């Protein structure tokens, strides 16, 4: 194990990007979709987007809930990927 590993930094990173993924990220996607005039988002109310498309499938354990979880964890996974690539590039 690397002695320079900072658990506090890693936990704050996880908390920060996890919170962004579950709160801000779905709103960003919804409002960008509306501003770019996608028909799907233009006809879809925000409440329906949140309750039925993003957070609703999390109440069941099926394929749709895995898609929803992957959507919500996308900012966290993207940040981990970028950090890993930067670490590999420094070596």
Protein backbone atom coordinates (compact mmCIF):
# COMPACT_ATOMS: atom_id res chain seq x y z
CA UNK A 1 0.00 0.00 0.00
CA UNK A 2 1.24 3.47 -0.85
CA UNK A 3 2.27 5.48 2.23
CA UNK A 4 1.31 8.74 0.50
CA UNK A 5 -2.33 7.66 0.28
CA UNK A 6 -4.58 10.20 1.99
CA UNK A 7 -7.86 8.60 3.12
CA UNK A 8 -9.37 11.96 4.10
CA UNK A 9 -8.83 13.33 0.61
CA UNK A 10 -10.29 10.20 -0.99
CA UNK A 11 -13.36 10.20 1.23
CA UNK A 12 -14.05 13.89 0.54
CA UNK A 13 -13.63 13.21 -3.17
CA UNK A 14 -16.14 10.36 -2.95
CA UNK A 15 -18.60 12.47 -0.96
CA UNK A 16 -18.28 15.50 -3.24
CA UNK A 17 -18.76 13.72 -6.56
CA UNK A 18 -21.33 11.33 -5.09
CA UNK A 19 -23.44 14.27 -3.94
CA UNK A 20 -23.06 15.99 -7.31
CA UNK A 21 -24.17 12.81 -9.07
CA UNK A 22 -27.29 12.36 -6.97
CA UNK A 23 -28.40 16.01 -6.79
CA UNK A 24 -26.98 18.36 -9.42
CA UNK A 25 -26.19 16.00 -12.30
CA UNK A 26 -29.82 15.00 -13.10
CA UNK A 27 -30.82 18.68 -13.08
CA UNK A 28 -27.95 19.60 -15.40
CA UNK A 29 -28.94 16.87 -17.85
CA UNK A 30 -32.63 17.83 -17.71
CA UNK A 31 -32.15 21.56 -18.21
CA UNK A 32 -29.47 21.14 -20.89
CA UNK A 33 -31.80 18.78 -22.72
CA UNK A 34 -34.55 21.39 -22.58
CA UNK A 35 -32.26 24.23 -23.69
CA UNK A 36 -31.00 22.16 -26.61
CA UNK A 37 -34.64 21.58 -27.60
CA UNK A 38 -34.65 17.78 -27.41
CA UNK A 39 -38.25 16.65 -27.85
CA UNK A 40 -37.88 14.11 -25.05
CA UNK A 41 -37.09 16.79 -22.45
CA UNK A 42 -39.38 19.44 -23.94
CA UNK A 43 -42.46 17.29 -23.35
CA UNK A 44 -41.31 15.80 -20.05
CA UNK A 45 -42.00 17.65 -16.76
CA UNK A 46 -39.18 17.81 -14.22
CA UNK A 47 -41.18 15.89 -11.63
CA UNK A 48 -41.75 13.00 -14.04
CA UNK A 49 -38.07 13.01 -14.99
CA UNK A 50 -37.02 12.81 -11.35
CA UNK A 51 -39.62 10.42 -9.98
CA UNK A 52 -40.05 7.98 -12.83
CA UNK A 53 -36.86 8.11 -14.87
CA UNK A 54 -33.99 8.88 -12.47
CA UNK A 55 -34.86 7.97 -8.87
CA UNK A 56 -37.94 5.78 -9.32
CA UNK A 57 -36.16 2.68 -10.66
CA UNK A 58 -33.90 2.64 -7.57
CA UNK A 59 -36.77 1.17 -5.53
CA UNK A 60 -36.51 -2.12 -7.44
CA UNK A 61 -33.52 -4.31 -8.18
CA UNK A 62 -33.59 -4.81 -11.93
CA UNK A 63 -31.79 -3.75 -15.10
CA UNK A 64 -33.45 -0.31 -15.09
CA UNK A 65 -32.15 0.39 -11.58
CA UNK A 66 -28.61 -0.48 -12.71
CA UNK A 67 -28.93 2.00 -15.58
CA UNK A 68 -30.21 4.63 -13.17
CA UNK A 69 -27.35 3.99 -10.73
CA UNK A 70 -24.77 4.18 -13.51
CA UNK A 71 -26.30 7.51 -14.60
CA UNK A 72 -26.18 8.87 -11.05
CA UNK A 73 -22.61 7.68 -10.43
CA UNK A 74 -21.35 8.99 -13.79
CA UNK A 75 -19.66 12.14 -12.34
CA UNK A 76 -17.88 10.03 -9.73
CA UNK A 77 -16.76 7.41 -12.25
CA UNK A 78 -15.62 10.10 -14.68
CA UNK A 79 -13.55 11.85 -12.02
CA UNK A 80 -11.96 8.54 -10.96
CA UNK A 81 -11.12 7.78 -14.59
CA UNK A 82 -9.53 11.19 -15.13
CA UNK A 83 -7.55 10.91 -11.89
CA UNK A 84 -6.34 7.44 -12.84
CA UNK A 85 -5.27 8.58 -16.31
CA UNK A 86 -3.43 11.55 -14.84
CA UNK A 87 -1.66 9.30 -12.33
CA UNK A 88 -0.62 6.93 -15.11
CA UNK A 89 0.58 9.85 -17.26
CA UNK A 90 2.80 11.14 -14.44
CA UNK A 91 4.67 7.82 -14.21
